[in-house]
N, C-alpha and C. Protein backbone atom coordinates (compact mmCIF):
# COMPACT_ATOMS: atom_id res chain seq x y z
N UNK A 1 57.92 0.93 -14.45
CA UNK A 1 57.76 1.46 -13.10
C UNK A 1 56.28 1.69 -12.83
N UNK A 2 55.76 1.12 -11.75
CA UNK A 2 54.33 1.25 -11.46
C UNK A 2 54.01 2.58 -10.83
N UNK A 3 52.73 2.98 -10.98
CA UNK A 3 52.27 4.25 -10.41
C UNK A 3 51.30 3.95 -9.27
N UNK A 4 51.54 4.51 -8.11
CA UNK A 4 50.65 4.32 -6.97
C UNK A 4 49.34 5.05 -7.21
N UNK A 5 48.23 4.39 -6.87
CA UNK A 5 46.92 5.01 -7.03
C UNK A 5 46.66 6.06 -5.98
N UNK A 6 47.27 5.90 -4.83
CA UNK A 6 47.08 6.89 -3.77
C UNK A 6 48.29 6.87 -2.86
N UNK A 7 48.43 7.87 -2.12
CA UNK A 7 49.53 7.95 -1.17
C UNK A 7 49.03 8.64 0.08
N UNK A 8 49.71 8.41 1.16
CA UNK A 8 49.30 9.00 2.42
C UNK A 8 49.34 10.52 2.34
N UNK A 9 50.22 11.07 1.44
CA UNK A 9 50.32 12.51 1.34
C UNK A 9 49.03 13.13 0.80
N UNK A 10 48.32 12.37 -0.12
CA UNK A 10 47.12 12.92 -0.75
C UNK A 10 45.83 12.29 -0.18
N UNK A 11 45.98 11.51 0.82
CA UNK A 11 44.81 10.83 1.38
C UNK A 11 43.92 11.81 2.13
N UNK A 12 42.59 11.61 1.97
CA UNK A 12 41.64 12.47 2.66
C UNK A 12 41.63 12.16 4.15
N UNK A 13 41.29 13.14 4.95
CA UNK A 13 41.13 12.86 6.39
C UNK A 13 40.07 11.79 6.60
N UNK A 14 40.26 10.99 7.64
CA UNK A 14 39.33 9.89 7.90
C UNK A 14 37.91 10.39 8.11
N UNK A 15 37.76 11.51 8.80
CA UNK A 15 36.42 12.04 9.06
C UNK A 15 35.71 12.43 7.78
N UNK A 16 36.52 12.91 6.78
CA UNK A 16 35.94 13.30 5.51
C UNK A 16 35.50 12.08 4.71
N UNK A 17 36.30 11.01 4.73
CA UNK A 17 35.92 9.78 4.04
C UNK A 17 34.63 9.20 4.61
N UNK A 18 34.55 9.15 5.95
CA UNK A 18 33.33 8.65 6.59
C UNK A 18 32.14 9.54 6.28
N UNK A 19 32.38 10.85 6.28
CA UNK A 19 31.31 11.79 5.99
C UNK A 19 30.76 11.61 4.59
N UNK A 20 31.65 11.43 3.61
CA UNK A 20 31.22 11.23 2.23
C UNK A 20 30.44 9.92 2.09
N UNK A 21 30.91 8.86 2.78
CA UNK A 21 30.23 7.57 2.71
C UNK A 21 28.83 7.67 3.30
N UNK A 22 28.71 8.37 4.42
CA UNK A 22 27.40 8.54 5.05
C UNK A 22 26.46 9.36 4.17
N UNK A 23 27.02 10.39 3.51
CA UNK A 23 26.20 11.22 2.64
C UNK A 23 25.68 10.42 1.45
N UNK A 24 26.54 9.61 0.85
CA UNK A 24 26.13 8.77 -0.28
C UNK A 24 25.05 7.79 0.17
N UNK A 25 25.24 7.17 1.35
CA UNK A 25 24.26 6.22 1.86
C UNK A 25 22.92 6.91 2.12
N UNK A 26 22.97 8.13 2.65
CA UNK A 26 21.74 8.88 2.92
C UNK A 26 21.00 9.21 1.64
N UNK A 27 21.73 9.66 0.63
CA UNK A 27 21.12 10.00 -0.66
C UNK A 27 20.48 8.76 -1.28
N UNK A 28 21.19 7.63 -1.24
CA UNK A 28 20.65 6.38 -1.79
C UNK A 28 19.38 5.96 -1.05
N UNK A 29 19.40 6.09 0.28
CA UNK A 29 18.23 5.72 1.07
C UNK A 29 17.02 6.59 0.71
N UNK A 30 17.26 7.89 0.52
CA UNK A 30 16.17 8.80 0.17
C UNK A 30 15.62 8.47 -1.21
N UNK A 31 16.51 8.19 -2.16
CA UNK A 31 16.09 7.85 -3.53
C UNK A 31 15.28 6.56 -3.52
N UNK A 32 15.77 5.55 -2.80
CA UNK A 32 15.06 4.26 -2.74
C UNK A 32 13.69 4.44 -2.11
N UNK A 33 13.63 5.18 -1.01
CA UNK A 33 12.35 5.37 -0.31
C UNK A 33 11.38 6.20 -1.16
N UNK A 34 11.89 7.15 -1.91
CA UNK A 34 11.04 8.03 -2.69
C UNK A 34 10.53 7.37 -3.97
N UNK A 35 11.39 6.61 -4.63
CA UNK A 35 11.05 6.12 -5.96
C UNK A 35 10.91 4.59 -6.07
N UNK A 36 11.47 3.83 -5.15
CA UNK A 36 11.55 2.38 -5.35
C UNK A 36 10.66 1.60 -4.39
N UNK A 37 11.01 1.61 -3.12
CA UNK A 37 10.28 0.80 -2.15
C UNK A 37 10.22 1.53 -0.82
N UNK A 38 9.13 1.30 -0.09
CA UNK A 38 8.96 1.93 1.21
C UNK A 38 8.37 0.92 2.18
N UNK A 39 8.74 1.03 3.44
CA UNK A 39 8.24 0.13 4.47
C UNK A 39 7.01 0.72 5.15
N UNK A 40 6.06 -0.14 5.46
CA UNK A 40 4.84 0.26 6.16
C UNK A 40 4.53 -0.76 7.24
N UNK A 41 3.82 -0.32 8.26
CA UNK A 41 3.39 -1.20 9.35
C UNK A 41 1.87 -1.23 9.41
N UNK A 42 1.29 -2.40 9.63
CA UNK A 42 -0.16 -2.54 9.71
C UNK A 42 -0.61 -2.28 11.15
N UNK A 43 -1.41 -1.21 11.36
CA UNK A 43 -1.81 -0.86 12.73
C UNK A 43 -3.23 -1.30 13.11
N UNK A 44 -4.04 -1.74 12.14
CA UNK A 44 -5.44 -2.02 12.43
C UNK A 44 -5.85 -3.38 11.85
N UNK A 45 -7.09 -3.79 12.17
CA UNK A 45 -7.59 -5.10 11.75
C UNK A 45 -8.43 -5.06 10.48
N UNK A 46 -8.41 -3.95 9.76
CA UNK A 46 -9.31 -3.79 8.61
C UNK A 46 -8.98 -4.72 7.44
N UNK A 47 -7.75 -5.28 7.42
CA UNK A 47 -7.38 -6.17 6.31
C UNK A 47 -7.23 -7.62 6.74
N UNK A 48 -7.71 -7.97 7.94
CA UNK A 48 -7.71 -9.37 8.35
C UNK A 48 -8.52 -10.21 7.36
N UNK A 49 -8.14 -11.45 7.05
CA UNK A 49 -6.98 -12.14 7.57
C UNK A 49 -5.77 -12.04 6.64
N UNK A 50 -5.88 -11.23 5.61
CA UNK A 50 -4.78 -11.08 4.66
C UNK A 50 -3.57 -10.44 5.34
N UNK A 51 -3.81 -9.38 6.09
CA UNK A 51 -2.75 -8.67 6.81
C UNK A 51 -3.13 -8.57 8.28
N UNK A 52 -2.18 -8.88 9.15
CA UNK A 52 -2.40 -8.88 10.58
C UNK A 52 -1.81 -7.63 11.22
N UNK A 53 -2.38 -7.24 12.34
CA UNK A 53 -1.77 -6.15 13.11
C UNK A 53 -0.35 -6.59 13.51
N UNK A 54 0.63 -5.74 13.23
CA UNK A 54 2.01 -6.10 13.51
C UNK A 54 2.76 -6.61 12.30
N UNK A 55 2.08 -6.77 11.17
CA UNK A 55 2.79 -7.08 9.92
C UNK A 55 3.57 -5.83 9.47
N UNK A 56 4.80 -6.03 9.05
CA UNK A 56 5.60 -4.97 8.46
C UNK A 56 5.83 -5.36 7.00
N UNK A 57 5.49 -4.48 6.09
CA UNK A 57 5.56 -4.85 4.69
C UNK A 57 6.35 -3.85 3.86
N UNK A 58 6.81 -4.33 2.73
CA UNK A 58 7.46 -3.49 1.73
C UNK A 58 6.46 -3.25 0.61
N UNK A 59 6.44 -2.02 0.10
CA UNK A 59 5.51 -1.67 -0.96
C UNK A 59 6.26 -1.02 -2.11
N UNK A 60 5.89 -1.38 -3.32
CA UNK A 60 6.54 -0.84 -4.52
C UNK A 60 6.04 0.57 -4.81
N UNK A 61 6.97 1.53 -4.88
CA UNK A 61 6.60 2.92 -5.16
C UNK A 61 6.47 3.19 -6.65
N UNK A 62 7.03 2.31 -7.49
CA UNK A 62 7.04 2.58 -8.94
C UNK A 62 6.08 1.68 -9.71
N UNK A 63 5.27 0.87 -8.98
CA UNK A 63 4.36 -0.06 -9.66
C UNK A 63 3.40 0.65 -10.60
N UNK A 64 2.94 1.85 -10.19
CA UNK A 64 1.97 2.59 -10.99
C UNK A 64 2.56 3.87 -11.57
N UNK A 65 3.88 4.00 -11.55
CA UNK A 65 4.52 5.18 -12.11
C UNK A 65 5.42 5.86 -11.11
N UNK A 66 6.05 6.93 -11.55
CA UNK A 66 6.96 7.70 -10.71
C UNK A 66 6.48 9.15 -10.68
N UNK A 67 6.39 9.72 -9.47
CA UNK A 67 5.92 11.09 -9.31
C UNK A 67 7.06 12.02 -8.90
N UNK A 68 6.87 13.29 -9.17
CA UNK A 68 7.76 14.29 -8.60
C UNK A 68 7.56 14.25 -7.09
N UNK A 69 8.64 14.15 -6.30
CA UNK A 69 8.49 14.03 -4.84
C UNK A 69 7.58 15.10 -4.25
N UNK A 70 6.72 14.66 -3.32
CA UNK A 70 5.81 15.52 -2.56
C UNK A 70 4.73 16.17 -3.44
N UNK A 71 4.47 15.58 -4.61
CA UNK A 71 3.42 16.08 -5.49
C UNK A 71 2.62 14.89 -6.02
N UNK A 72 1.53 15.17 -6.75
CA UNK A 72 0.74 14.15 -7.43
C UNK A 72 1.03 14.13 -8.93
N UNK A 73 2.09 14.80 -9.34
CA UNK A 73 2.44 14.92 -10.76
C UNK A 73 3.35 13.78 -11.18
N UNK A 74 2.94 13.06 -12.21
CA UNK A 74 3.71 11.91 -12.67
C UNK A 74 4.87 12.34 -13.57
N UNK A 75 6.05 11.79 -13.30
CA UNK A 75 7.17 11.87 -14.23
C UNK A 75 6.98 10.78 -15.30
N UNK A 76 6.58 9.63 -14.82
CA UNK A 76 6.29 8.49 -15.71
C UNK A 76 5.10 7.76 -15.13
N UNK A 77 4.09 7.56 -15.94
CA UNK A 77 2.87 6.87 -15.50
C UNK A 77 2.95 5.42 -15.92
N UNK A 78 3.00 4.54 -14.94
CA UNK A 78 3.13 3.11 -15.21
C UNK A 78 1.80 2.45 -15.49
N UNK A 79 1.72 1.16 -15.19
CA UNK A 79 0.48 0.42 -15.39
C UNK A 79 -0.59 0.92 -14.43
N UNK A 80 -1.84 0.84 -14.86
CA UNK A 80 -2.94 1.24 -13.99
C UNK A 80 -3.19 0.17 -12.93
N UNK A 81 -3.62 0.59 -11.74
CA UNK A 81 -4.00 -0.39 -10.71
C UNK A 81 -5.09 -1.32 -11.22
N UNK A 82 -5.09 -2.54 -10.71
CA UNK A 82 -6.03 -3.56 -11.16
C UNK A 82 -6.90 -4.03 -10.00
N UNK A 83 -8.03 -4.63 -10.34
CA UNK A 83 -8.88 -5.23 -9.31
C UNK A 83 -8.08 -6.27 -8.53
N UNK A 84 -8.21 -6.23 -7.23
CA UNK A 84 -7.51 -7.19 -6.38
C UNK A 84 -6.19 -6.67 -5.84
N UNK A 85 -5.65 -5.60 -6.41
CA UNK A 85 -4.41 -5.03 -5.89
C UNK A 85 -4.63 -4.47 -4.49
N UNK A 86 -3.68 -4.69 -3.62
CA UNK A 86 -3.71 -4.09 -2.28
C UNK A 86 -2.79 -2.88 -2.33
N UNK A 87 -3.34 -1.71 -2.04
CA UNK A 87 -2.60 -0.46 -2.26
C UNK A 87 -2.57 0.39 -0.99
N UNK A 88 -1.49 1.18 -0.90
CA UNK A 88 -1.35 2.20 0.14
C UNK A 88 -1.65 3.54 -0.50
N UNK A 89 -2.49 4.33 0.15
CA UNK A 89 -2.93 5.58 -0.46
C UNK A 89 -3.18 6.63 0.62
N UNK A 90 -3.30 7.88 0.18
CA UNK A 90 -3.63 8.97 1.08
C UNK A 90 -5.11 8.88 1.44
N UNK A 91 -5.39 8.86 2.72
CA UNK A 91 -6.78 8.87 3.17
C UNK A 91 -7.43 10.17 2.70
N UNK A 92 -8.53 10.10 1.93
CA UNK A 92 -9.12 11.32 1.35
C UNK A 92 -9.46 12.40 2.37
N UNK A 93 -9.84 12.02 3.58
CA UNK A 93 -10.21 13.01 4.59
C UNK A 93 -9.02 13.56 5.37
N UNK A 94 -7.85 12.96 5.18
CA UNK A 94 -6.62 13.42 5.83
C UNK A 94 -5.43 12.92 5.03
N UNK A 95 -4.98 13.69 4.04
CA UNK A 95 -3.91 13.24 3.13
C UNK A 95 -2.59 12.90 3.83
N UNK A 96 -2.41 13.33 5.09
CA UNK A 96 -1.19 13.00 5.81
C UNK A 96 -1.23 11.60 6.41
N UNK A 97 -2.38 10.94 6.31
CA UNK A 97 -2.55 9.60 6.86
C UNK A 97 -2.59 8.57 5.73
N UNK A 98 -1.83 7.49 5.88
CA UNK A 98 -1.82 6.42 4.89
C UNK A 98 -2.83 5.35 5.27
N UNK A 99 -3.61 4.90 4.29
CA UNK A 99 -4.53 3.78 4.45
C UNK A 99 -4.09 2.65 3.54
N UNK A 100 -4.47 1.43 3.88
CA UNK A 100 -4.21 0.29 3.00
C UNK A 100 -5.50 -0.50 2.83
N UNK A 101 -5.89 -0.74 1.57
CA UNK A 101 -7.13 -1.45 1.25
C UNK A 101 -6.92 -2.22 -0.06
N UNK A 102 -7.93 -2.99 -0.41
CA UNK A 102 -7.91 -3.75 -1.66
C UNK A 102 -8.81 -3.05 -2.69
N UNK A 103 -8.32 -2.94 -3.92
CA UNK A 103 -9.13 -2.37 -4.99
C UNK A 103 -10.16 -3.40 -5.45
N UNK A 104 -11.44 -3.00 -5.41
CA UNK A 104 -12.51 -3.89 -5.88
C UNK A 104 -13.23 -3.29 -7.09
N UNK A 105 -12.97 -2.01 -7.37
CA UNK A 105 -13.61 -1.38 -8.52
C UNK A 105 -12.67 -0.43 -9.22
N UNK A 106 -12.54 -0.59 -10.54
CA UNK A 106 -11.70 0.29 -11.35
C UNK A 106 -12.61 1.21 -12.17
N UNK A 107 -12.05 2.24 -12.84
CA UNK A 107 -12.89 3.18 -13.59
C UNK A 107 -13.86 2.47 -14.54
N UNK A 108 -15.13 2.87 -14.44
CA UNK A 108 -16.17 2.29 -15.29
C UNK A 108 -16.96 1.17 -14.63
N UNK A 109 -16.42 0.58 -13.56
CA UNK A 109 -17.13 -0.49 -12.87
C UNK A 109 -18.35 0.05 -12.12
N UNK A 110 -19.41 -0.75 -12.08
CA UNK A 110 -20.58 -0.44 -11.26
C UNK A 110 -20.50 -1.31 -10.01
N UNK A 111 -20.40 -0.67 -8.85
CA UNK A 111 -20.20 -1.37 -7.59
C UNK A 111 -21.47 -1.30 -6.74
N UNK A 112 -21.83 -2.45 -6.18
CA UNK A 112 -22.99 -2.52 -5.31
C UNK A 112 -22.74 -3.60 -4.25
N UNK A 113 -23.27 -3.36 -3.05
CA UNK A 113 -23.22 -4.36 -1.98
C UNK A 113 -24.66 -4.66 -1.57
N UNK A 114 -25.03 -5.93 -1.60
CA UNK A 114 -26.37 -6.34 -1.19
C UNK A 114 -26.24 -7.42 -0.12
N UNK A 115 -26.70 -7.09 1.08
CA UNK A 115 -26.63 -8.04 2.20
C UNK A 115 -25.24 -8.67 2.31
N UNK A 116 -24.24 -7.81 2.30
CA UNK A 116 -22.82 -8.15 2.47
C UNK A 116 -22.15 -8.70 1.20
N UNK A 117 -22.92 -9.10 0.21
CA UNK A 117 -22.35 -9.63 -1.02
C UNK A 117 -21.97 -8.49 -1.96
N UNK A 118 -20.71 -8.50 -2.41
CA UNK A 118 -20.25 -7.51 -3.36
C UNK A 118 -20.65 -7.90 -4.78
N UNK A 119 -21.23 -6.93 -5.50
CA UNK A 119 -21.56 -7.12 -6.91
C UNK A 119 -20.77 -6.12 -7.74
N UNK A 120 -20.23 -6.59 -8.85
CA UNK A 120 -19.51 -5.72 -9.77
C UNK A 120 -20.09 -5.90 -11.16
N UNK A 121 -20.58 -4.79 -11.71
CA UNK A 121 -21.21 -4.81 -13.02
C UNK A 121 -22.36 -5.82 -13.08
N UNK A 122 -23.09 -5.90 -11.95
CA UNK A 122 -24.26 -6.75 -11.87
C UNK A 122 -23.99 -8.19 -11.50
N UNK A 123 -22.72 -8.58 -11.37
CA UNK A 123 -22.37 -9.97 -11.09
C UNK A 123 -21.77 -10.11 -9.69
N UNK A 124 -22.17 -11.15 -8.94
CA UNK A 124 -21.57 -11.36 -7.62
C UNK A 124 -20.07 -11.66 -7.76
N UNK A 125 -19.29 -11.11 -6.85
CA UNK A 125 -17.84 -11.29 -6.89
C UNK A 125 -17.44 -12.35 -5.88
N UNK A 126 -16.72 -13.35 -6.32
CA UNK A 126 -16.22 -14.39 -5.42
C UNK A 126 -14.94 -13.89 -4.76
N UNK A 127 -14.95 -13.82 -3.44
CA UNK A 127 -13.80 -13.29 -2.70
C UNK A 127 -13.45 -14.24 -1.55
N UNK A 128 -12.49 -15.08 -1.79
CA UNK A 128 -12.12 -16.08 -0.79
C UNK A 128 -11.33 -15.48 0.37
N UNK A 129 -10.83 -14.26 0.19
CA UNK A 129 -9.96 -13.66 1.19
C UNK A 129 -10.71 -12.85 2.24
N UNK A 130 -12.03 -12.61 2.07
CA UNK A 130 -12.72 -11.71 2.98
C UNK A 130 -13.13 -12.40 4.28
N UNK A 131 -13.42 -11.55 5.28
CA UNK A 131 -13.81 -12.04 6.60
C UNK A 131 -15.00 -11.21 7.09
N UNK A 132 -15.94 -11.89 7.75
CA UNK A 132 -17.08 -11.21 8.37
C UNK A 132 -17.08 -11.52 9.86
N UNK A 133 -17.07 -10.49 10.69
CA UNK A 133 -17.12 -10.69 12.13
C UNK A 133 -18.56 -10.69 12.64
N UNK A 134 -19.48 -10.12 11.83
CA UNK A 134 -20.90 -10.10 12.18
C UNK A 134 -21.72 -10.62 10.99
N UNK A 135 -21.61 -11.89 10.69
CA UNK A 135 -22.24 -12.43 9.47
C UNK A 135 -23.75 -12.34 9.45
N UNK A 136 -24.38 -12.27 10.63
CA UNK A 136 -25.85 -12.27 10.69
C UNK A 136 -26.43 -10.89 10.97
N UNK A 137 -25.59 -9.87 11.02
CA UNK A 137 -26.08 -8.52 11.30
C UNK A 137 -25.95 -7.66 10.06
N UNK A 138 -27.06 -7.09 9.63
CA UNK A 138 -27.08 -6.26 8.43
C UNK A 138 -27.22 -4.80 8.83
N UNK A 139 -26.30 -3.96 8.35
CA UNK A 139 -26.35 -2.53 8.62
C UNK A 139 -26.38 -1.76 7.31
N UNK A 140 -27.08 -0.62 7.30
CA UNK A 140 -27.08 0.21 6.08
C UNK A 140 -25.68 0.72 5.78
N UNK A 141 -25.43 0.99 4.52
CA UNK A 141 -24.14 1.46 4.00
C UNK A 141 -23.09 0.35 4.06
N UNK A 142 -22.81 -0.15 5.26
CA UNK A 142 -21.79 -1.19 5.38
C UNK A 142 -22.15 -2.44 4.59
N UNK A 143 -23.41 -2.87 4.70
CA UNK A 143 -23.83 -4.14 4.11
C UNK A 143 -24.79 -4.01 2.95
N UNK A 144 -25.33 -2.81 2.74
CA UNK A 144 -26.17 -2.52 1.58
C UNK A 144 -25.77 -1.15 1.05
N UNK A 145 -25.17 -1.15 -0.12
CA UNK A 145 -24.57 0.08 -0.64
C UNK A 145 -24.71 0.12 -2.16
N UNK A 146 -24.93 1.35 -2.67
CA UNK A 146 -24.92 1.54 -4.12
C UNK A 146 -26.24 1.20 -4.79
N UNK A 147 -26.17 1.02 -6.11
CA UNK A 147 -24.97 0.97 -6.96
C UNK A 147 -24.37 2.34 -7.27
N UNK A 148 -23.04 2.35 -7.47
CA UNK A 148 -22.33 3.55 -7.90
C UNK A 148 -21.39 3.16 -9.04
N UNK A 149 -21.15 4.11 -9.93
CA UNK A 149 -20.21 3.90 -11.03
C UNK A 149 -18.89 4.58 -10.70
N UNK A 150 -17.80 3.84 -10.81
CA UNK A 150 -16.48 4.38 -10.50
C UNK A 150 -16.06 5.35 -11.60
N UNK A 151 -15.78 6.62 -11.26
CA UNK A 151 -15.40 7.61 -12.29
C UNK A 151 -14.01 7.35 -12.86
N UNK A 152 -13.70 8.07 -13.92
CA UNK A 152 -12.37 7.98 -14.53
C UNK A 152 -11.30 8.39 -13.53
N UNK A 153 -10.18 7.67 -13.56
CA UNK A 153 -9.01 7.96 -12.71
C UNK A 153 -9.29 7.83 -11.22
N UNK A 154 -10.34 7.07 -10.88
CA UNK A 154 -10.64 6.84 -9.46
C UNK A 154 -10.86 5.35 -9.24
N UNK A 155 -10.79 4.96 -7.94
CA UNK A 155 -10.88 3.54 -7.60
C UNK A 155 -11.75 3.35 -6.36
N UNK A 156 -12.44 2.20 -6.32
CA UNK A 156 -13.27 1.85 -5.17
C UNK A 156 -12.51 0.79 -4.39
N UNK A 157 -12.27 1.07 -3.10
CA UNK A 157 -11.46 0.16 -2.28
C UNK A 157 -12.27 -0.31 -1.07
N UNK A 158 -11.95 -1.53 -0.62
CA UNK A 158 -12.60 -2.08 0.56
C UNK A 158 -11.57 -2.87 1.36
N UNK A 159 -11.79 -2.94 2.67
CA UNK A 159 -10.96 -3.79 3.51
C UNK A 159 -11.42 -5.23 3.43
N UNK A 160 -10.51 -6.17 3.62
CA UNK A 160 -10.87 -7.59 3.57
C UNK A 160 -11.72 -7.98 4.78
N UNK A 161 -11.54 -7.28 5.90
CA UNK A 161 -12.35 -7.51 7.09
C UNK A 161 -13.60 -6.63 6.97
N UNK A 162 -14.56 -7.08 6.19
CA UNK A 162 -15.64 -6.23 5.71
C UNK A 162 -16.50 -5.59 6.80
N UNK A 163 -16.66 -6.25 7.92
CA UNK A 163 -17.50 -5.69 8.98
C UNK A 163 -16.73 -4.71 9.88
N UNK A 164 -15.44 -4.56 9.62
CA UNK A 164 -14.62 -3.70 10.48
C UNK A 164 -13.64 -2.90 9.62
N UNK A 165 -14.18 -2.22 8.62
CA UNK A 165 -13.32 -1.45 7.71
C UNK A 165 -14.02 -0.17 7.27
N UNK A 166 -13.35 0.95 7.50
CA UNK A 166 -13.81 2.23 6.96
C UNK A 166 -13.17 2.37 5.59
N UNK A 167 -13.99 2.34 4.55
CA UNK A 167 -13.44 2.32 3.20
C UNK A 167 -14.34 3.12 2.25
N UNK A 168 -14.27 2.83 0.96
CA UNK A 168 -15.00 3.63 -0.03
C UNK A 168 -16.50 3.62 0.18
N UNK A 169 -17.02 2.67 0.90
CA UNK A 169 -18.45 2.67 1.20
C UNK A 169 -18.84 3.89 2.04
N UNK A 170 -17.88 4.39 2.82
CA UNK A 170 -18.17 5.47 3.77
C UNK A 170 -17.61 6.83 3.34
N UNK A 171 -16.46 6.84 2.66
CA UNK A 171 -15.86 8.13 2.32
C UNK A 171 -15.55 8.30 0.83
N UNK A 172 -15.98 7.39 0.00
CA UNK A 172 -15.88 7.62 -1.44
C UNK A 172 -14.68 7.01 -2.14
N UNK A 173 -14.41 7.51 -3.32
CA UNK A 173 -13.40 6.93 -4.19
C UNK A 173 -11.99 7.43 -3.84
N UNK A 174 -10.99 6.70 -4.33
CA UNK A 174 -9.59 7.08 -4.18
C UNK A 174 -9.07 7.55 -5.54
N UNK A 175 -8.49 8.73 -5.58
CA UNK A 175 -7.88 9.22 -6.81
C UNK A 175 -6.63 8.40 -7.14
N UNK A 176 -6.42 8.16 -8.42
CA UNK A 176 -5.23 7.41 -8.82
C UNK A 176 -3.97 8.09 -8.32
N UNK A 177 -3.92 9.41 -8.41
CA UNK A 177 -2.72 10.14 -8.02
C UNK A 177 -2.48 10.09 -6.51
N UNK A 178 -3.50 9.69 -5.72
CA UNK A 178 -3.34 9.59 -4.28
C UNK A 178 -2.79 8.22 -3.85
N UNK A 179 -2.69 7.30 -4.79
CA UNK A 179 -2.14 5.98 -4.48
C UNK A 179 -0.62 6.10 -4.38
N UNK A 180 -0.08 5.72 -3.24
CA UNK A 180 1.36 5.87 -2.99
C UNK A 180 2.16 4.66 -3.45
N UNK A 181 1.61 3.47 -3.25
CA UNK A 181 2.40 2.27 -3.53
C UNK A 181 1.50 1.04 -3.58
N UNK A 182 2.06 -0.03 -4.12
CA UNK A 182 1.39 -1.33 -4.16
C UNK A 182 2.06 -2.26 -3.16
N UNK A 183 1.26 -2.83 -2.25
CA UNK A 183 1.81 -3.75 -1.25
C UNK A 183 2.47 -4.93 -1.95
N UNK A 184 3.66 -5.30 -1.46
CA UNK A 184 4.45 -6.30 -2.16
C UNK A 184 4.75 -7.53 -1.31
N UNK A 185 5.44 -7.35 -0.18
CA UNK A 185 5.89 -8.53 0.57
C UNK A 185 6.05 -8.19 2.07
N UNK A 186 5.74 -9.16 2.92
CA UNK A 186 5.92 -9.01 4.36
C UNK A 186 7.37 -9.32 4.72
N UNK A 187 8.05 -8.39 5.37
CA UNK A 187 9.43 -8.65 5.76
C UNK A 187 9.57 -8.92 7.26
N UNK A 188 8.55 -8.58 8.04
CA UNK A 188 8.59 -8.85 9.48
C UNK A 188 7.16 -8.89 10.00
N UNK A 189 6.93 -9.74 11.00
CA UNK A 189 5.58 -9.82 11.56
C UNK A 189 5.67 -10.33 12.99
N UNK A 190 5.03 -9.61 13.89
CA UNK A 190 4.97 -10.07 15.27
C UNK A 190 3.77 -9.46 15.99
N UNK A 191 3.33 -10.17 17.02
CA UNK A 191 2.27 -9.67 17.87
C UNK A 191 2.82 -9.20 19.20
N UNK A 192 4.13 -9.24 19.36
CA UNK A 192 4.83 -8.86 20.59
C UNK A 192 6.17 -9.55 20.63
N UNK A 193 6.96 -9.26 21.66
CA UNK A 193 8.31 -9.83 21.74
C UNK A 193 8.30 -11.34 21.81
N UNK A 194 7.23 -11.92 22.36
CA UNK A 194 7.14 -13.37 22.48
C UNK A 194 6.23 -13.98 21.41
N UNK A 195 5.93 -13.22 20.37
CA UNK A 195 5.02 -13.71 19.33
C UNK A 195 5.52 -13.28 17.95
N UNK A 196 6.64 -13.84 17.54
CA UNK A 196 7.18 -13.58 16.20
C UNK A 196 6.58 -14.60 15.23
N UNK A 197 5.96 -14.10 14.16
CA UNK A 197 5.26 -14.97 13.22
C UNK A 197 6.22 -15.36 12.09
N UNK A 198 7.07 -16.31 12.38
CA UNK A 198 8.14 -16.67 11.44
C UNK A 198 7.61 -17.10 10.07
N UNK A 199 6.48 -17.78 10.05
CA UNK A 199 5.96 -18.32 8.79
C UNK A 199 5.48 -17.22 7.85
N UNK A 200 5.26 -16.01 8.37
CA UNK A 200 4.78 -14.92 7.52
C UNK A 200 5.93 -14.14 6.87
N UNK A 201 7.14 -14.32 7.38
CA UNK A 201 8.26 -13.53 6.88
C UNK A 201 8.56 -13.89 5.42
N UNK A 202 8.63 -12.88 4.58
CA UNK A 202 8.91 -13.08 3.16
C UNK A 202 7.70 -13.43 2.32
N UNK A 203 6.51 -13.47 2.95
CA UNK A 203 5.31 -13.87 2.22
C UNK A 203 4.86 -12.76 1.26
N UNK A 204 4.55 -13.15 0.03
CA UNK A 204 4.01 -12.20 -0.95
C UNK A 204 2.60 -11.80 -0.54
N UNK A 205 2.23 -10.55 -0.81
CA UNK A 205 0.92 -10.04 -0.45
C UNK A 205 0.02 -10.09 -1.66
N UNK A 206 -1.10 -10.79 -1.52
CA UNK A 206 -2.03 -10.92 -2.65
C UNK A 206 -3.45 -11.16 -2.15
């Protein structure tokens, strides 16, 4: 004789079943957003041409470790950020604001900019991804900077659109613990309702 797994007599009210399903979905969404992946939107031109205004991207929250939510304390410290990584971090002058830039200097590196050319540890850095909107105009700080040595547990970041980026040249280093995520992949991109950039969808960020 078979045993029924459930019966209408013991069935939960429909509203309770839906409520439990919604609660589970909400908890999963919070866990994923806190520890796994988070969505970000590009609002400025500082990372052109790598990232365009209107790009929507997913970023890995666990690439560099896992933190206690709403703190800078690591539960597990993963791999250290590397040169060339594009990262989302707390803007040092306003921790409630997220910035996205490329790491060009890791702890111990000596960073210098001479007439727009980036030098690392005395050697010119080849950067095929950068853009200059004012190639013939030289400005202090923006185009001639340093040298500075990157301290322990800190990083030097710059935008790919070098002539139009507020970055470590102007406000200093980024603490490792202030890095929120590593940019991973573009999931949506548009310049407006009539300008969907289909070819960018799913593109890896590098």
